[in-house]
N, C-alpha and C. Protein backbone atom coordinates (compact mmCIF):
# COMPACT_ATOMS: atom_id res chain seq x y z
N MET A 1 122.44 123.70 90.00
CA MET A 1 123.56 123.68 90.91
C MET A 1 124.69 124.48 90.27
N ALA A 2 124.81 125.70 90.69
CA ALA A 2 125.73 126.63 90.07
C ALA A 2 127.20 126.23 90.20
N LYS A 3 127.54 125.57 91.27
CA LYS A 3 128.95 125.23 91.50
C LYS A 3 129.22 123.74 91.34
N HIS A 4 128.53 123.11 90.40
CA HIS A 4 128.69 121.67 90.23
C HIS A 4 130.10 121.29 89.82
N LYS A 5 130.78 122.15 89.06
CA LYS A 5 132.16 121.85 88.66
C LYS A 5 133.09 121.85 89.87
N ASP A 6 132.91 122.83 90.76
CA ASP A 6 133.72 122.87 91.98
C ASP A 6 133.46 121.64 92.85
N PHE A 7 132.19 121.25 92.93
CA PHE A 7 131.82 120.07 93.70
C PHE A 7 132.48 118.82 93.13
N THR A 8 132.44 118.68 91.80
CA THR A 8 133.03 117.51 91.15
C THR A 8 134.53 117.44 91.42
N VAL A 9 135.22 118.56 91.33
CA VAL A 9 136.65 118.59 91.58
C VAL A 9 136.96 118.26 93.04
N ALA A 10 136.20 118.82 93.95
CA ALA A 10 136.45 118.64 95.38
C ALA A 10 136.15 117.23 95.86
N THR A 11 135.15 116.57 95.26
CA THR A 11 134.70 115.26 95.76
C THR A 11 135.00 114.11 94.83
N ASP A 12 135.41 114.40 93.62
CA ASP A 12 135.63 113.39 92.59
C ASP A 12 134.35 112.60 92.31
N ALA A 13 133.21 113.26 92.49
CA ALA A 13 131.91 112.66 92.18
C ALA A 13 131.31 113.38 90.98
N GLN A 14 130.83 112.61 90.02
CA GLN A 14 130.23 113.20 88.84
C GLN A 14 128.84 113.76 89.16
N VAL A 15 128.48 114.84 88.51
CA VAL A 15 127.16 115.45 88.66
C VAL A 15 126.44 115.32 87.33
N TYR A 16 125.23 114.80 87.39
CA TYR A 16 124.42 114.63 86.19
C TYR A 16 123.15 115.43 86.31
N PHE A 17 122.71 115.99 85.18
CA PHE A 17 121.48 116.78 85.15
C PHE A 17 120.47 116.08 84.27
N CYS A 18 119.23 116.10 84.68
CA CYS A 18 118.14 115.51 83.89
C CYS A 18 117.64 116.52 82.88
N ASP A 19 117.03 116.00 81.84
CA ASP A 19 116.43 116.88 80.84
C ASP A 19 115.18 117.53 81.41
N PRO A 20 114.93 118.80 81.04
CA PRO A 20 113.71 119.48 81.52
C PRO A 20 112.46 118.71 81.09
N GLN A 21 111.43 118.76 81.91
CA GLN A 21 110.15 118.12 81.63
C GLN A 21 110.27 116.62 81.42
N SER A 22 111.22 115.98 82.13
CA SER A 22 111.43 114.53 82.01
C SER A 22 111.45 113.89 83.40
N PRO A 23 110.29 113.82 84.08
CA PRO A 23 110.27 113.34 85.45
C PRO A 23 110.73 111.89 85.60
N TRP A 24 110.64 111.08 84.55
CA TRP A 24 111.09 109.69 84.64
C TRP A 24 112.60 109.59 84.84
N GLN A 25 113.31 110.67 84.57
CA GLN A 25 114.76 110.69 84.78
C GLN A 25 115.11 111.06 86.22
N ARG A 26 114.12 111.44 87.00
CA ARG A 26 114.36 111.91 88.36
C ARG A 26 113.54 111.12 89.37
N GLY A 27 113.65 109.81 89.35
CA GLY A 27 112.83 108.96 90.20
C GLY A 27 112.90 109.31 91.67
N SER A 28 114.10 109.44 92.19
CA SER A 28 114.27 109.74 93.61
C SER A 28 113.68 111.11 93.95
N ASN A 29 113.89 112.07 93.08
CA ASN A 29 113.36 113.41 93.28
C ASN A 29 111.83 113.38 93.29
N GLU A 30 111.25 112.68 92.32
CA GLU A 30 109.80 112.62 92.23
C GLU A 30 109.20 111.87 93.43
N ASN A 31 109.88 110.81 93.88
CA ASN A 31 109.38 110.06 95.04
C ASN A 31 109.44 110.88 96.32
N THR A 32 110.32 111.86 96.36
CA THR A 32 110.40 112.76 97.51
C THR A 32 109.37 113.88 97.40
N ASN A 33 109.17 114.37 96.20
CA ASN A 33 108.22 115.47 96.00
C ASN A 33 106.78 115.08 96.29
N LEU A 34 106.41 113.85 95.98
CA LEU A 34 105.01 113.45 96.18
C LEU A 34 104.57 113.62 97.63
N PRO A 35 105.30 113.09 98.62
CA PRO A 35 104.87 113.32 100.01
C PRO A 35 104.94 114.79 100.41
N LEU A 36 105.92 115.51 99.89
CA LEU A 36 106.01 116.95 100.20
C LEU A 36 104.78 117.70 99.72
N ARG A 37 104.25 117.30 98.57
CA ARG A 37 103.08 117.98 97.99
C ARG A 37 101.84 117.79 98.85
N GLN A 38 101.83 116.77 99.72
CA GLN A 38 100.70 116.59 100.62
C GLN A 38 100.65 117.72 101.65
N TYR A 39 101.80 118.28 101.94
CA TYR A 39 101.88 119.37 102.92
C TYR A 39 101.98 120.74 102.24
N PHE A 40 102.68 120.77 101.12
CA PHE A 40 102.91 122.03 100.41
C PHE A 40 102.61 121.84 98.93
N PRO A 41 101.41 122.22 98.48
CA PRO A 41 101.10 122.09 97.06
C PRO A 41 102.10 122.89 96.19
N ARG A 42 102.25 122.45 94.95
CA ARG A 42 103.17 123.13 94.02
C ARG A 42 102.89 124.63 94.02
N GLY A 43 103.95 125.41 94.08
CA GLY A 43 103.83 126.86 94.06
C GLY A 43 103.62 127.49 95.42
N THR A 44 103.61 126.69 96.47
CA THR A 44 103.42 127.22 97.82
C THR A 44 104.59 128.10 98.21
N ASP A 45 104.30 129.27 98.77
CA ASP A 45 105.34 130.18 99.27
C ASP A 45 105.71 129.74 100.68
N LEU A 46 106.90 129.17 100.83
CA LEU A 46 107.33 128.65 102.12
C LEU A 46 107.70 129.75 103.12
N SER A 47 107.80 130.98 102.65
CA SER A 47 108.16 132.06 103.58
C SER A 47 107.05 132.32 104.61
N GLY A 48 105.87 131.80 104.36
CA GLY A 48 104.77 131.96 105.30
C GLY A 48 104.78 130.94 106.43
N TYR A 49 105.75 130.04 106.40
CA TYR A 49 105.85 128.99 107.41
C TYR A 49 107.05 129.26 108.31
N SER A 50 106.90 128.96 109.58
CA SER A 50 108.03 129.12 110.51
C SER A 50 108.95 127.91 110.38
N GLN A 51 110.15 128.03 110.90
CA GLN A 51 111.07 126.90 110.90
C GLN A 51 110.49 125.73 111.70
N ALA A 52 109.78 126.04 112.77
CA ALA A 52 109.14 124.99 113.57
C ALA A 52 108.10 124.23 112.74
N ASP A 53 107.32 124.95 111.90
CA ASP A 53 106.35 124.29 111.02
C ASP A 53 107.05 123.35 110.05
N LEU A 54 108.13 123.83 109.45
CA LEU A 54 108.88 123.02 108.49
C LEU A 54 109.52 121.81 109.17
N ASP A 55 110.01 122.00 110.38
CA ASP A 55 110.63 120.91 111.14
C ASP A 55 109.60 119.81 111.44
N LYS A 56 108.35 120.20 111.71
CA LYS A 56 107.30 119.21 111.97
C LYS A 56 107.06 118.34 110.73
N VAL A 57 107.04 118.97 109.57
CA VAL A 57 106.84 118.23 108.32
C VAL A 57 108.03 117.29 108.08
N VAL A 58 109.23 117.78 108.31
CA VAL A 58 110.42 116.94 108.15
C VAL A 58 110.34 115.72 109.07
N LEU A 59 109.96 115.92 110.30
CA LEU A 59 109.84 114.82 111.25
C LEU A 59 108.81 113.80 110.77
N ARG A 60 107.67 114.28 110.33
CA ARG A 60 106.63 113.37 109.84
C ARG A 60 107.11 112.56 108.64
N LEU A 61 107.78 113.23 107.70
CA LEU A 61 108.26 112.53 106.51
C LEU A 61 109.36 111.53 106.85
N ASN A 62 110.23 111.87 107.79
CA ASN A 62 111.31 110.96 108.16
C ASN A 62 110.81 109.78 108.99
N GLN A 63 109.60 109.88 109.52
CA GLN A 63 109.03 108.78 110.29
C GLN A 63 108.02 107.96 109.48
N ARG A 64 107.90 108.27 108.20
CA ARG A 64 106.97 107.57 107.32
C ARG A 64 107.71 106.41 106.63
N PRO A 65 107.19 105.18 106.77
CA PRO A 65 107.85 104.04 106.10
C PRO A 65 107.86 104.22 104.58
N ARG A 66 108.94 103.78 103.96
CA ARG A 66 109.07 103.89 102.50
C ARG A 66 109.26 102.52 101.88
N LYS A 67 108.55 102.28 100.81
CA LYS A 67 108.66 101.00 100.11
C LYS A 67 110.10 100.76 99.66
N THR A 68 110.76 101.82 99.16
CA THR A 68 112.14 101.68 98.67
C THR A 68 113.13 101.34 99.77
N LEU A 69 112.73 101.50 101.01
CA LEU A 69 113.60 101.17 102.15
C LEU A 69 113.14 99.88 102.82
N GLY A 70 112.38 99.06 102.11
CA GLY A 70 111.87 97.83 102.70
C GLY A 70 110.86 98.11 103.80
N PHE A 71 110.10 99.19 103.62
CA PHE A 71 109.07 99.64 104.57
C PHE A 71 109.64 100.03 105.93
N GLN A 72 110.92 100.41 105.92
CA GLN A 72 111.51 101.04 107.10
C GLN A 72 111.39 102.54 106.92
N THR A 73 111.61 103.28 107.98
CA THR A 73 111.56 104.73 107.88
C THR A 73 112.95 105.27 107.54
N PRO A 74 113.02 106.43 106.90
CA PRO A 74 114.33 107.04 106.66
C PRO A 74 115.09 107.25 107.97
N ALA A 75 114.39 107.63 109.03
CA ALA A 75 115.05 107.86 110.32
C ALA A 75 115.68 106.57 110.85
N SER A 76 114.96 105.45 110.75
CA SER A 76 115.50 104.19 111.27
C SER A 76 116.67 103.70 110.42
N LYS A 77 116.60 103.90 109.11
CA LYS A 77 117.71 103.51 108.23
C LYS A 77 118.95 104.34 108.54
N LEU A 78 118.77 105.63 108.75
CA LEU A 78 119.90 106.50 109.08
C LEU A 78 120.50 106.09 110.42
N HIS A 79 119.64 105.84 111.39
CA HIS A 79 120.12 105.44 112.72
C HIS A 79 120.91 104.13 112.62
N ALA A 80 120.41 103.16 111.86
CA ALA A 80 121.09 101.89 111.70
C ALA A 80 122.43 102.07 111.00
N SER A 81 122.47 102.96 110.03
CA SER A 81 123.70 103.23 109.30
C SER A 81 124.75 103.87 110.19
N VAL A 82 124.34 104.83 110.99
CA VAL A 82 125.25 105.50 111.91
C VAL A 82 125.73 104.54 112.98
N ALA A 83 124.83 103.71 113.50
CA ALA A 83 125.17 102.76 114.55
C ALA A 83 126.18 101.72 114.05
N SER A 84 126.08 101.35 112.77
CA SER A 84 126.98 100.33 112.24
C SER A 84 128.39 100.87 112.01
N THR A 85 128.54 102.18 111.94
CA THR A 85 129.87 102.76 111.74
C THR A 85 130.59 103.07 113.05
N VAL A 86 129.86 102.98 114.16
CA VAL A 86 130.44 103.29 115.47
C VAL A 86 131.03 102.06 116.10
């Protein structure tokens, strides 16, 4: 993240970086990458996919229940969060 200092100043949120080759430091990242790898193996060139293809994968992933969300889907959690603020 090239502009992490600007981000920190603008949002007052700290930015932390994990050590290279240390996947245990990136739990959320790794938990997201695993389902993505089912559609796009490591090293896949995404330029060969249309935006519509990528949108289909996003929809499938957002409709997949996650253990970390109490087996709710990311889409339903987001909807509930937005609904509670209205």
